[in-house]
């Protein structure tokens, strides 16, 4: 199932994650190794669910949803008023993506 063809949001996304068969430490790396870790996310069917979970839970370490901890912190700083990234990403997937980032609802 490709990411582009999906229209519904997956609540229990972890069993579908591309990283589920990777070594546990493969996504908790530093420096250049983070780019290799992010490549795993590029083929993941639930990358948006993973990223939303990491942003909503303020996950501090590792590559989640194709973003490093530094990238996620920057996103959170740029958009401090979003109560739920899941709601925002889900609305976008369902075709209601014309909402502004600050208008997402929980």
PDB file of N, CA and C in Angstrom:
ATOM      1  N   UNK A   1       0.857  -1.164   0.000  1.00  0.00           N
ATOM      2  CA  UNK A   1       0.000   0.000   0.000  1.00  0.00           C
ATOM      3  C   UNK A   1       0.905   1.229   0.000  1.00  0.00           C
ATOM      4  N   UNK A   2       0.776   2.091  -0.961  1.00  0.00           N
ATOM      5  CA  UNK A   2       1.612   3.280  -1.025  1.00  0.00           C
ATOM      6  C   UNK A   2       1.024   4.381  -0.157  1.00  0.00           C
ATOM      7  N   UNK A   3       1.886   5.300   0.265  1.00  0.00           N
ATOM      8  CA  UNK A   3       1.418   6.416   1.085  1.00  0.00           C
ATOM      9  C   UNK A   3       0.427   7.267   0.316  1.00  0.00           C
ATOM     10  N   UNK A   4       0.671   7.475  -0.985  1.00  0.00           N
ATOM     11  CA  UNK A   4      -0.161   8.357  -1.774  1.00  0.00           C
ATOM     12  C   UNK A   4      -1.591   7.848  -1.932  1.00  0.00           C
ATOM     13  N   UNK A   5      -1.783   6.536  -1.932  1.00  0.00           N
ATOM     14  CA  UNK A   5      -3.112   5.979  -2.162  1.00  0.00           C
ATOM     15  C   UNK A   5      -3.958   5.914  -0.890  1.00  0.00           C
ATOM     16  N   UNK A   6      -3.375   6.181   0.255  1.00  0.00           N
ATOM     17  CA  UNK A   6      -4.110   6.077   1.504  1.00  0.00           C
ATOM     18  C   UNK A   6      -4.953   7.316   1.740  1.00  0.00           C
ATOM     19  N   UNK A   7      -6.187   7.102   2.126  1.00  0.00           N
ATOM     20  CA  UNK A   7      -7.057   8.228   2.439  1.00  0.00           C
ATOM     21  C   UNK A   7      -7.517   8.210   3.889  1.00  0.00           C
ATOM     22  N   UNK A   8      -7.381   7.098   4.570  1.00  0.00           N
ATOM     23  CA  UNK A   8      -7.815   7.042   5.964  1.00  0.00           C
ATOM     24  C   UNK A   8      -6.603   7.143   6.890  1.00  0.00           C
ATOM     25  N   UNK A   9      -6.872   7.548   8.100  1.00  0.00           N
ATOM     26  CA  UNK A   9      -5.835   7.683   9.110  1.00  0.00           C
ATOM     27  C   UNK A   9      -5.733   6.369   9.866  1.00  0.00           C
ATOM     28  N   UNK A  10      -4.524   5.912  10.115  1.00  0.00           N
ATOM     29  CA  UNK A  10      -4.297   4.646  10.800  1.00  0.00           C
ATOM     30  C   UNK A  10      -4.007   4.912  12.270  1.00  0.00           C
ATOM     31  N   UNK A  11      -4.895   4.474  13.134  1.00  0.00           N
ATOM     32  CA  UNK A  11      -4.730   4.682  14.574  1.00  0.00           C
ATOM     33  C   UNK A  11      -3.590   3.815  15.105  1.00  0.00           C
ATOM     34  N   UNK A  12      -3.653   2.540  14.834  1.00  0.00           N
ATOM     35  CA  UNK A  12      -2.616   1.601  15.279  1.00  0.00           C
ATOM     36  C   UNK A  12      -1.583   1.475  14.166  1.00  0.00           C
ATOM     37  N   UNK A  13      -0.715   2.457  14.062  1.00  0.00           N
ATOM     38  CA  UNK A  13       0.207   2.544  12.936  1.00  0.00           C
ATOM     39  C   UNK A  13       1.507   1.772  13.128  1.00  0.00           C
ATOM     40  N   UNK A  14       1.926   1.517  14.347  1.00  0.00           N
ATOM     41  CA  UNK A  14       3.254   0.933  14.563  1.00  0.00           C
ATOM     42  C   UNK A  14       3.469  -0.424  13.887  1.00  0.00           C
ATOM     43  N   UNK A  15       2.470  -1.321  13.810  1.00  0.00           N
ATOM     44  CA  UNK A  15       2.720  -2.592  13.114  1.00  0.00           C
ATOM     45  C   UNK A  15       2.954  -2.427  11.609  1.00  0.00           C
ATOM     46  N   UNK A  16       2.588  -1.283  11.058  1.00  0.00           N
ATOM     47  CA  UNK A  16       2.746  -1.036   9.628  1.00  0.00           C
ATOM     48  C   UNK A  16       4.013  -0.257   9.300  1.00  0.00           C
ATOM     49  N   UNK A  17       4.716   0.205  10.306  1.00  0.00           N
ATOM     50  CA  UNK A  17       5.878   1.070  10.101  1.00  0.00           C
ATOM     51  C   UNK A  17       7.016   0.340   9.391  1.00  0.00           C
ATOM     52  N   UNK A  18       7.664   1.038   8.489  1.00  0.00           N
ATOM     53  CA  UNK A  18       8.794   0.465   7.745  1.00  0.00           C
ATOM     54  C   UNK A  18       9.951   0.115   8.675  1.00  0.00           C
ATOM     55  N   UNK A  19      10.062   0.803   9.789  1.00  0.00           N
ATOM     56  CA  UNK A  19      11.172   0.571  10.715  1.00  0.00           C
ATOM     57  C   UNK A  19      10.933  -0.597  11.670  1.00  0.00           C
ATOM     58  N   UNK A  20       9.773  -1.216  11.613  1.00  0.00           N
ATOM     59  CA  UNK A  20       9.452  -2.271  12.586  1.00  0.00           C
ATOM     60  C   UNK A  20      10.417  -3.444  12.523  1.00  0.00           C
ATOM     61  N   UNK A  21      11.087  -3.645  11.389  1.00  0.00           N
ATOM     62  CA  UNK A  21      12.040  -4.748  11.270  1.00  0.00           C
ATOM     63  C   UNK A  21      13.485  -4.270  11.361  1.00  0.00           C
ATOM     64  N   UNK A  22      13.680  -2.972  11.573  1.00  0.00           N
ATOM     65  CA  UNK A  22      15.032  -2.422  11.704  1.00  0.00           C
ATOM     66  C   UNK A  22      15.564  -2.697  13.102  1.00  0.00           C
ATOM     67  N   UNK A  23      16.868  -2.579  13.231  1.00  0.00           N
ATOM     68  CA  UNK A  23      17.479  -2.686  14.554  1.00  0.00           C
ATOM     69  C   UNK A  23      16.929  -1.556  15.422  1.00  0.00           C
ATOM     70  N   UNK A  24      16.619  -1.827  16.672  1.00  0.00           N
ATOM     71  CA  UNK A  24      16.018  -0.803  17.529  1.00  0.00           C
ATOM     72  C   UNK A  24      16.818   0.499  17.599  1.00  0.00           C
ATOM     73  N   UNK A  25      18.127   0.409  17.549  1.00  0.00           N
ATOM     74  CA  UNK A  25      18.952   1.608  17.657  1.00  0.00           C
ATOM     75  C   UNK A  25      19.162   2.331  16.337  1.00  0.00           C
ATOM     76  N   UNK A  26      18.660   1.793  15.226  1.00  0.00           N
ATOM     77  CA  UNK A  26      18.914   2.372  13.901  1.00  0.00           C
ATOM     78  C   UNK A  26      18.344   3.775  13.742  1.00  0.00           C
ATOM     79  N   UNK A  27      17.319   4.104  14.504  1.00  0.00           N
ATOM     80  CA  UNK A  27      16.692   5.420  14.392  1.00  0.00           C
ATOM     81  C   UNK A  27      17.123   6.380  15.493  1.00  0.00           C
ATOM     82  N   UNK A  28      17.985   5.911  16.368  1.00  0.00           N
ATOM     83  CA  UNK A  28      18.469   6.743  17.469  1.00  0.00           C
ATOM     84  C   UNK A  28      19.963   6.948  17.301  1.00  0.00           C
ATOM     85  N   UNK A  29      20.299   7.732  16.286  1.00  0.00           N
ATOM     86  CA  UNK A  29      21.690   7.943  15.891  1.00  0.00           C
ATOM     87  C   UNK A  29      21.977   9.440  15.811  1.00  0.00           C
ATOM     88  N   UNK A  30      23.242   9.774  15.645  1.00  0.00           N
ATOM     89  CA  UNK A  30      23.672  11.167  15.570  1.00  0.00           C
ATOM     90  C   UNK A  30      24.324  11.450  14.225  1.00  0.00           C
ATOM     91  N   UNK A  31      24.430  12.712  13.882  1.00  0.00           N
ATOM     92  CA  UNK A  31      25.189  13.148  12.719  1.00  0.00           C
ATOM     93  C   UNK A  31      24.693  12.589  11.403  1.00  0.00           C
ATOM     94  N   UNK A  32      25.655  12.208  10.550  1.00  0.00           N
ATOM     95  CA  UNK A  32      25.344  11.738   9.196  1.00  0.00           C
ATOM     96  C   UNK A  32      24.477  10.485   9.199  1.00  0.00           C
ATOM     97  N   UNK A  33      24.556   9.691  10.232  1.00  0.00           N
ATOM     98  CA  UNK A  33      23.750   8.470  10.308  1.00  0.00           C
ATOM     99  C   UNK A  33      22.258   8.786  10.342  1.00  0.00           C
ATOM    100  N   UNK A  34      21.904  10.001  10.731  1.00  0.00           N
ATOM    101  CA  UNK A  34      20.493  10.379  10.749  1.00  0.00           C
ATOM    102  C   UNK A  34      19.905  10.388   9.342  1.00  0.00           C
ATOM    103  N   UNK A  35      20.708  10.754   8.358  1.00  0.00           N
ATOM    104  CA  UNK A  35      20.217  10.752   6.975  1.00  0.00           C
ATOM    105  C   UNK A  35      19.883   9.333   6.526  1.00  0.00           C
ATOM    106  N   UNK A  36      20.692   8.369   6.936  1.00  0.00           N
ATOM    107  CA  UNK A  36      20.397   6.967   6.617  1.00  0.00           C
ATOM    108  C   UNK A  36      19.119   6.526   7.313  1.00  0.00           C
ATOM    109  N   UNK A  37      18.948   6.944   8.551  1.00  0.00           N
ATOM    110  CA  UNK A  37      17.738   6.586   9.293  1.00  0.00           C
ATOM    111  C   UNK A  37      16.506   7.184   8.619  1.00  0.00           C
ATOM    112  N   UNK A  38      16.617   8.411   8.141  1.00  0.00           N
ATOM    113  CA  UNK A  38      15.488   9.074   7.489  1.00  0.00           C
ATOM    114  C   UNK A  38      15.096   8.372   6.187  1.00  0.00           C
ATOM    115  N   UNK A  39      16.022   7.679   5.561  1.00  0.00           N
ATOM    116  CA  UNK A  39      15.710   6.950   4.329  1.00  0.00           C
ATOM    117  C   UNK A  39      14.717   5.824   4.589  1.00  0.00           C
ATOM    118  N   UNK A  40      14.759   5.249   5.767  1.00  0.00           N
ATOM    119  CA  UNK A  40      13.786   4.214   6.134  1.00  0.00           C
ATOM    120  C   UNK A  40      12.376   4.804   6.071  1.00  0.00           C
ATOM    121  N   UNK A  41      12.240   6.029   6.532  1.00  0.00           N
ATOM    122  CA  UNK A  41      10.934   6.694   6.565  1.00  0.00           C
ATOM    123  C   UNK A  41      10.390   6.993   5.171  1.00  0.00           C
ATOM    124  N   UNK A  42      11.266   7.157   4.205  1.00  0.00           N
ATOM    125  CA  UNK A  42      10.825   7.518   2.858  1.00  0.00           C
ATOM    126  C   UNK A  42       9.934   6.452   2.232  1.00  0.00           C
ATOM    127  N   UNK A  43      10.079   5.214   2.653  1.00  0.00           N
ATOM    128  CA  UNK A  43       9.260   4.138   2.079  1.00  0.00           C
ATOM    129  C   UNK A  43       8.153   3.675   3.039  1.00  0.00           C
ATOM    130  N   UNK A  44       7.950   4.436   4.084  1.00  0.00           N
ATOM    131  CA  UNK A  44       7.002   4.033   5.119  1.00  0.00           C
ATOM    132  C   UNK A  44       5.574   4.463   4.788  1.00  0.00           C
ATOM    133  N   UNK A  45       4.612   3.540   4.892  1.00  0.00           N
ATOM    134  CA  UNK A  45       3.214   3.877   4.599  1.00  0.00           C
ATOM    135  C   UNK A  45       2.532   4.686   5.705  1.00  0.00           C
ATOM    136  N   UNK A  46       3.158   4.776   6.871  1.00  0.00           N
ATOM    137  CA  UNK A  46       2.538   5.495   7.990  1.00  0.00           C
ATOM    138  C   UNK A  46       3.441   6.615   8.515  1.00  0.00           C
ATOM    139  N   UNK A  47       4.201   7.220   7.631  1.00  0.00           N
ATOM    140  CA  UNK A  47       5.140   8.272   8.037  1.00  0.00           C
ATOM    141  C   UNK A  47       4.413   9.461   8.669  1.00  0.00           C
ATOM    142  N   UNK A  48       3.253   9.833   8.166  1.00  0.00           N
ATOM    143  CA  UNK A  48       2.509  10.970   8.734  1.00  0.00           C
ATOM    144  C   UNK A  48       2.004  10.647  10.135  1.00  0.00           C
ATOM    145  N   UNK A  49       1.511   9.436  10.326  1.00  0.00           N
ATOM    146  CA  UNK A  49       1.035   9.021  11.649  1.00  0.00           C
ATOM    147  C   UNK A  49       2.183   9.051  12.654  1.00  0.00           C
ATOM    148  N   UNK A  50       3.332   8.558  12.235  1.00  0.00           N
ATOM    149  CA  UNK A  50       4.515   8.522  13.091  1.00  0.00           C
ATOM    150  C   UNK A  50       4.953   9.934  13.465  1.00  0.00           C
ATOM    151  N   UNK A  51       5.027  10.810  12.472  1.00  0.00           N
ATOM    152  CA  UNK A  51       5.444  12.186  12.737  1.00  0.00           C
ATOM    153  C   UNK A  51       4.444  12.895  13.647  1.00  0.00           C
ATOM    154  N   UNK A  52       3.167  12.730  13.393  1.00  0.00           N
ATOM    155  CA  UNK A  52       2.146  13.359  14.233  1.00  0.00           C
ATOM    156  C   UNK A  52       2.271  12.883  15.677  1.00  0.00           C
ATOM    157  N   UNK A  53       2.491  11.595  15.857  1.00  0.00           N
ATOM    158  CA  UNK A  53       2.645  11.033  17.197  1.00  0.00           C
ATOM    159  C   UNK A  53       3.856  11.649  17.900  1.00  0.00           C
ATOM    160  N   UNK A  54       4.967  11.741  17.181  1.00  0.00           N
ATOM    161  CA  UNK A  54       6.189  12.304  17.770  1.00  0.00           C
ATOM    162  C   UNK A  54       6.010  13.779  18.122  1.00  0.00           C
ATOM    163  N   UNK A  55       5.355  14.538  17.250  1.00  0.00           N
ATOM    164  CA  UNK A  55       5.138  15.961  17.519  1.00  0.00           C
ATOM    165  C   UNK A  55       4.153  16.169  18.665  1.00  0.00           C
ATOM    166  N   UNK A  56       3.048  15.445  18.648  1.00  0.00           N
ATOM    167  CA  UNK A  56       2.032  15.607  19.692  1.00  0.00           C
ATOM    168  C   UNK A  56       2.542  15.178  21.062  1.00  0.00           C
ATOM    169  N   UNK A  57       3.435  14.202  21.093  1.00  0.00           N
ATOM    170  CA  UNK A  57       3.972  13.706  22.362  1.00  0.00           C
ATOM    171  C   UNK A  57       5.321  14.314  22.716  1.00  0.00           C
ATOM    172  N   UNK A  58       5.767  15.258  21.890  1.00  0.00           N
ATOM    173  CA  UNK A  58       7.045  15.954  22.120  1.00  0.00           C
ATOM    174  C   UNK A  58       8.187  14.955  22.315  1.00  0.00           C
ATOM    175  N   UNK A  59       8.243  13.950  21.450  1.00  0.00           N
ATOM    176  CA  UNK A  59       9.297  12.941  21.509  1.00  0.00           C
ATOM    177  C   UNK A  59      10.639  13.618  21.264  1.00  0.00           C
ATOM    178  N   UNK A  60      11.557  13.451  22.191  1.00  0.00           N
ATOM    179  CA  UNK A  60      12.803  14.205  22.148  1.00  0.00           C
ATOM    180  C   UNK A  60      13.922  13.545  21.369  1.00  0.00           C
ATOM    181  N   UNK A  61      13.941  12.246  21.258  1.00  0.00           N
ATOM    182  CA  UNK A  61      15.099  11.570  20.678  1.00  0.00           C
ATOM    183  C   UNK A  61      14.718  10.709  19.488  1.00  0.00           C
ATOM    184  N   UNK A  62      15.641  10.594  18.549  1.00  0.00           N
ATOM    185  CA  UNK A  62      15.476   9.686  17.424  1.00  0.00           C
ATOM    186  C   UNK A  62      14.833  10.315  16.209  1.00  0.00           C
ATOM    187  N   UNK A  63      14.860   9.552  15.127  1.00  0.00           N
ATOM    188  CA  UNK A  63      14.196   9.942  13.885  1.00  0.00           C
ATOM    189  C   UNK A  63      12.798   9.349  13.918  1.00  0.00           C
ATOM    190  N   UNK A  64      11.813  10.200  13.767  1.00  0.00           N
ATOM    191  CA  UNK A  64      10.404   9.797  13.771  1.00  0.00           C
ATOM    192  C   UNK A  64       9.714  10.506  12.622  1.00  0.00           C
ATOM    193  N   UNK A  65       8.967   9.800  11.840  1.00  0.00           N
ATOM    194  CA  UNK A  65       8.228  10.422  10.751  1.00  0.00           C
ATOM    195  C   UNK A  65       9.116  11.148   9.758  1.00  0.00           C
ATOM    196  N   UNK A  66      10.332  10.679   9.610  1.00  0.00           N
ATOM    197  CA  UNK A  66      11.253  11.278   8.653  1.00  0.00           C
ATOM    198  C   UNK A  66      11.926  12.550   9.122  1.00  0.00           C
ATOM    199  N   UNK A  67      11.793  12.869  10.394  1.00  0.00           N
ATOM    200  CA  UNK A  67      12.408  14.089  10.922  1.00  0.00           C
ATOM    201  C   UNK A  67      13.281  13.777  12.129  1.00  0.00           C
ATOM    202  N   UNK A  68      14.398  14.481  12.217  1.00  0.00           N
ATOM    203  CA  UNK A  68      15.274  14.355  13.376  1.00  0.00           C
ATOM    204  C   UNK A  68      14.683  15.140  14.541  1.00  0.00           C
ATOM    205  N   UNK A  69      15.253  14.930  15.718  1.00  0.00           N
ATOM    206  CA  UNK A  69      14.768  15.681  16.879  1.00  0.00           C
ATOM    207  C   UNK A  69      14.939  17.187  16.659  1.00  0.00           C
ATOM    208  N   UNK A  70      16.020  17.597  16.036  1.00  0.00           N
ATOM    209  CA  UNK A  70      16.242  19.028  15.767  1.00  0.00           C
ATOM    210  C   UNK A  70      15.165  19.571  14.819  1.00  0.00           C
ATOM    211  N   UNK A  71      14.838  18.819  13.785  1.00  0.00           N
ATOM    212  CA  UNK A  71      13.806  19.252  12.831  1.00  0.00           C
ATOM    213  C   UNK A  71      12.433  19.333  13.486  1.00  0.00           C
ATOM    214  N   UNK A  72      12.141  18.367  14.366  1.00  0.00           N
ATOM    215  CA  UNK A  72      10.852  18.401  15.061  1.00  0.00           C
ATOM    216  C   UNK A  72      10.772  19.577  16.025  1.00  0.00           C
ATOM    217  N   UNK A  73      11.859  19.842  16.742  1.00  0.00           N
ATOM    218  CA  UNK A  73      11.863  20.998  17.652  1.00  0.00           C
ATOM    219  C   UNK A  73      11.628  22.293  16.882  1.00  0.00           C
ATOM    220  N   UNK A  74      12.273  22.412  15.723  1.00  0.00           N
ATOM    221  CA  UNK A  74      12.096  23.617  14.897  1.00  0.00           C
ATOM    222  C   UNK A  74      10.646  23.748  14.444  1.00  0.00           C
ATOM    223  N   UNK A  75      10.030  22.638  14.064  1.00  0.00           N
ATOM    224  CA  UNK A  75       8.630  22.678  13.637  1.00  0.00           C
ATOM    225  C   UNK A  75       7.731  23.101  14.794  1.00  0.00           C
ATOM    226  N   UNK A  76       7.990  22.566  15.966  1.00  0.00           N
ATOM    227  CA  UNK A  76       7.187  22.927  17.137  1.00  0.00           C
ATOM    228  C   UNK A  76       7.359  24.403  17.490  1.00  0.00           C
ATOM    229  N   UNK A  77       8.568  24.928  17.347  1.00  0.00           N
ATOM    230  CA  UNK A  77       8.793  26.355  17.611  1.00  0.00           C
ATOM    231  C   UNK A  77       8.077  27.228  16.585  1.00  0.00           C
ATOM    232  N   UNK A  78       8.079  26.803  15.323  1.00  0.00           N
ATOM    233  CA  UNK A  78       7.422  27.584  14.266  1.00  0.00           C
ATOM    234  C   UNK A  78       5.901  27.568  14.400  1.00  0.00           C
ATOM    235  N   UNK A  79       5.365  26.501  14.978  1.00  0.00           N
ATOM    236  CA  UNK A  79       3.907  26.332  15.063  1.00  0.00           C
ATOM    237  C   UNK A  79       3.494  25.984  16.496  1.00  0.00           C
ATOM    238  N   UNK A  80       3.688  26.909  17.433  1.00  0.00           N
ATOM    239  CA  UNK A  80       3.420  26.598  18.840  1.00  0.00           C
ATOM    240  C   UNK A  80       1.939  26.485  19.191  1.00  0.00           C
ATOM    241  N   UNK A  81       1.058  26.941  18.327  1.00  0.00           N
ATOM    242  CA  UNK A  81      -0.371  26.968  18.660  1.00  0.00           C
ATOM    243  C   UNK A  81      -1.161  25.802  18.093  1.00  0.00           C
ATOM    244  N   UNK A  82      -0.481  24.811  17.578  1.00  0.00           N
ATOM    245  CA  UNK A  82      -1.199  23.654  17.038  1.00  0.00           C
ATOM    246  C   UNK A  82      -1.471  22.677  18.180  1.00  0.00           C
ATOM    247  N   UNK A  83      -2.731  22.479  18.536  1.00  0.00           N
ATOM    248  CA  UNK A  83      -3.038  21.573  19.638  1.00  0.00           C
ATOM    249  C   UNK A  83      -2.883  20.101  19.264  1.00  0.00           C
ATOM    250  N   UNK A  84      -3.024  19.779  17.971  1.00  0.00           N
ATOM    251  CA  UNK A  84      -2.944  18.380  17.545  1.00  0.00           C
ATOM    252  C   UNK A  84      -2.431  18.294  16.109  1.00  0.00           C
ATOM    253  N   UNK A  85      -1.194  17.822  15.973  1.00  0.00           N
ATOM    254  CA  UNK A  85      -0.667  17.599  14.629  1.00  0.00           C
ATOM    255  C   UNK A  85      -1.408  16.441  13.967  1.00  0.00           C
ATOM    256  N   UNK A  86      -1.852  15.496  14.775  1.00  0.00           N
ATOM    257  CA  UNK A  86      -2.622  14.392  14.208  1.00  0.00           C
ATOM    258  C   UNK A  86      -3.867  14.930  13.508  1.00  0.00           C
ATOM    259  N   UNK A  87      -4.608  15.805  14.178  1.00  0.00           N
ATOM    260  CA  UNK A  87      -5.824  16.365  13.580  1.00  0.00           C
ATOM    261  C   UNK A  87      -5.497  17.131  12.306  1.00  0.00           C
ATOM    262  N   UNK A  88      -4.411  17.859  12.325  1.00  0.00           N
ATOM    263  CA  UNK A  88      -4.003  18.626  11.154  1.00  0.00           C
ATOM    264  C   UNK A  88      -3.653  17.714   9.988  1.00  0.00           C
ATOM    265  N   UNK A  89      -2.798  16.721  10.240  1.00  0.00           N
ATOM    266  CA  UNK A  89      -2.371  15.811   9.174  1.00  0.00           C
ATOM    267  C   UNK A  89      -3.527  14.953   8.676  1.00  0.00           C
ATOM    268  N   UNK A  90      -4.389  14.525   9.604  1.00  0.00           N
ATOM    269  CA  UNK A  90      -5.543  13.714   9.214  1.00  0.00           C
ATOM    270  C   UNK A  90      -6.488  14.521   8.328  1.00  0.00           C
ATOM    271  N   UNK A  91      -6.741  15.763   8.687  1.00  0.00           N
ATOM    272  CA  UNK A  91      -7.603  16.625   7.870  1.00  0.00           C
ATOM    273  C   UNK A  91      -7.010  16.814   6.482  1.00  0.00           C
ATOM    274  N   UNK A  92      -5.703  16.964   6.415  1.00  0.00           N
ATOM    275  CA  UNK A  92      -5.040  17.124   5.125  1.00  0.00           C
ATOM    276  C   UNK A  92      -5.229  15.875   4.272  1.00  0.00           C
ATOM    277  N   UNK A  93      -5.061  14.713   4.886  1.00  0.00           N
ATOM    278  CA  UNK A  93      -5.215  13.459   4.150  1.00  0.00           C
ATOM    279  C   UNK A  93      -6.644  13.271   3.656  1.00  0.00           C
ATOM    280  N   UNK A  94      -7.597  13.722   4.432  1.00  0.00           N
ATOM    281  CA  UNK A  94      -9.002  13.551   4.069  1.00  0.00           C
ATOM    282  C   UNK A  94      -9.499  14.634   3.118  1.00  0.00           C
ATOM    283  N   UNK A  95      -8.595  15.514   2.697  1.00  0.00           N
ATOM    284  CA  UNK A  95      -8.970  16.527   1.730  1.00  0.00           C
ATOM    285  C   UNK A  95      -9.445  17.829   2.321  1.00  0.00           C
ATOM    286  N   UNK A  96      -9.212  17.999   3.608  1.00  0.00           N
ATOM    287  CA  UNK A  96      -9.581  19.252   4.262  1.00  0.00           C
ATOM    288  C   UNK A  96      -8.322  20.040   4.579  1.00  0.00           C
ATOM    289  N   UNK A  97      -7.305  19.877   3.750  1.00  0.00           N
ATOM    290  CA  UNK A  97      -5.992  20.450   4.010  1.00  0.00           C
ATOM    291  C   UNK A  97      -5.866  21.920   3.732  1.00  0.00           C
ATOM    292  N   UNK A  98      -6.958  22.595   3.435  1.00  0.00           N
ATOM    293  CA  UNK A  98      -6.883  24.025   3.171  1.00  0.00           C
ATOM    294  C   UNK A  98      -6.862  24.846   4.460  1.00  0.00           C
ATOM    295  N   UNK A  99      -6.934  24.158   5.593  1.00  0.00           N
ATOM    296  CA  UNK A  99      -6.892  24.866   6.873  1.00  0.00           C
ATOM    297  C   UNK A  99      -5.474  25.335   7.157  1.00  0.00           C
ATOM    298  N   UNK A 100      -5.373  26.460   7.825  1.00  0.00           N
ATOM    299  CA  UNK A 100      -4.076  26.985   8.229  1.00  0.00           C
ATOM    300  C   UNK A 100      -3.543  26.120   9.365  1.00  0.00           C
ATOM    301  N   UNK A 101      -2.206  26.104   9.528  1.00  0.00           N
ATOM    302  CA  UNK A 101      -1.610  25.321  10.594  1.00  0.00           C
ATOM    303  C   UNK A 101      -2.181  25.697  11.953  1.00  0.00           C
ATOM    304  N   UNK A 102      -2.413  26.940  12.205  1.00  0.00           N
ATOM    305  CA  UNK A 102      -2.918  27.382  13.495  1.00  0.00           C
ATOM    306  C   UNK A 102      -4.377  27.073  13.737  1.00  0.00           C
ATOM    307  N   UNK A 103      -5.087  26.547  12.748  1.00  0.00           N
ATOM    308  CA  UNK A 103      -6.511  26.284  12.899  1.00  0.00           C
ATOM    309  C   UNK A 103      -6.825  24.822  13.175  1.00  0.00           C
ATOM    310  N   UNK A 104      -5.806  24.006  13.375  1.00  0.00           N
ATOM    311  CA  UNK A 104      -6.060  22.589  13.654  1.00  0.00           C
ATOM    312  C   UNK A 104      -6.772  22.460  14.992  1.00  0.00           C
ATOM    313  N   UNK A 105      -7.644  21.476  15.062  1.00  0.00           N
ATOM    314  CA  UNK A 105      -8.376  21.253  16.305  1.00  0.00           C
ATOM    315  C   UNK A 105      -8.049  19.883  16.849  1.00  0.00           C
ATOM    316  N   UNK A 106      -8.208  19.726  18.129  1.00  0.00           N
ATOM    317  CA  UNK A 106      -7.917  18.439  18.771  1.00  0.00           C
ATOM    318  C   UNK A 106      -9.010  17.445  18.500  1.00  0.00           C
TER     319      UNK A 106
END
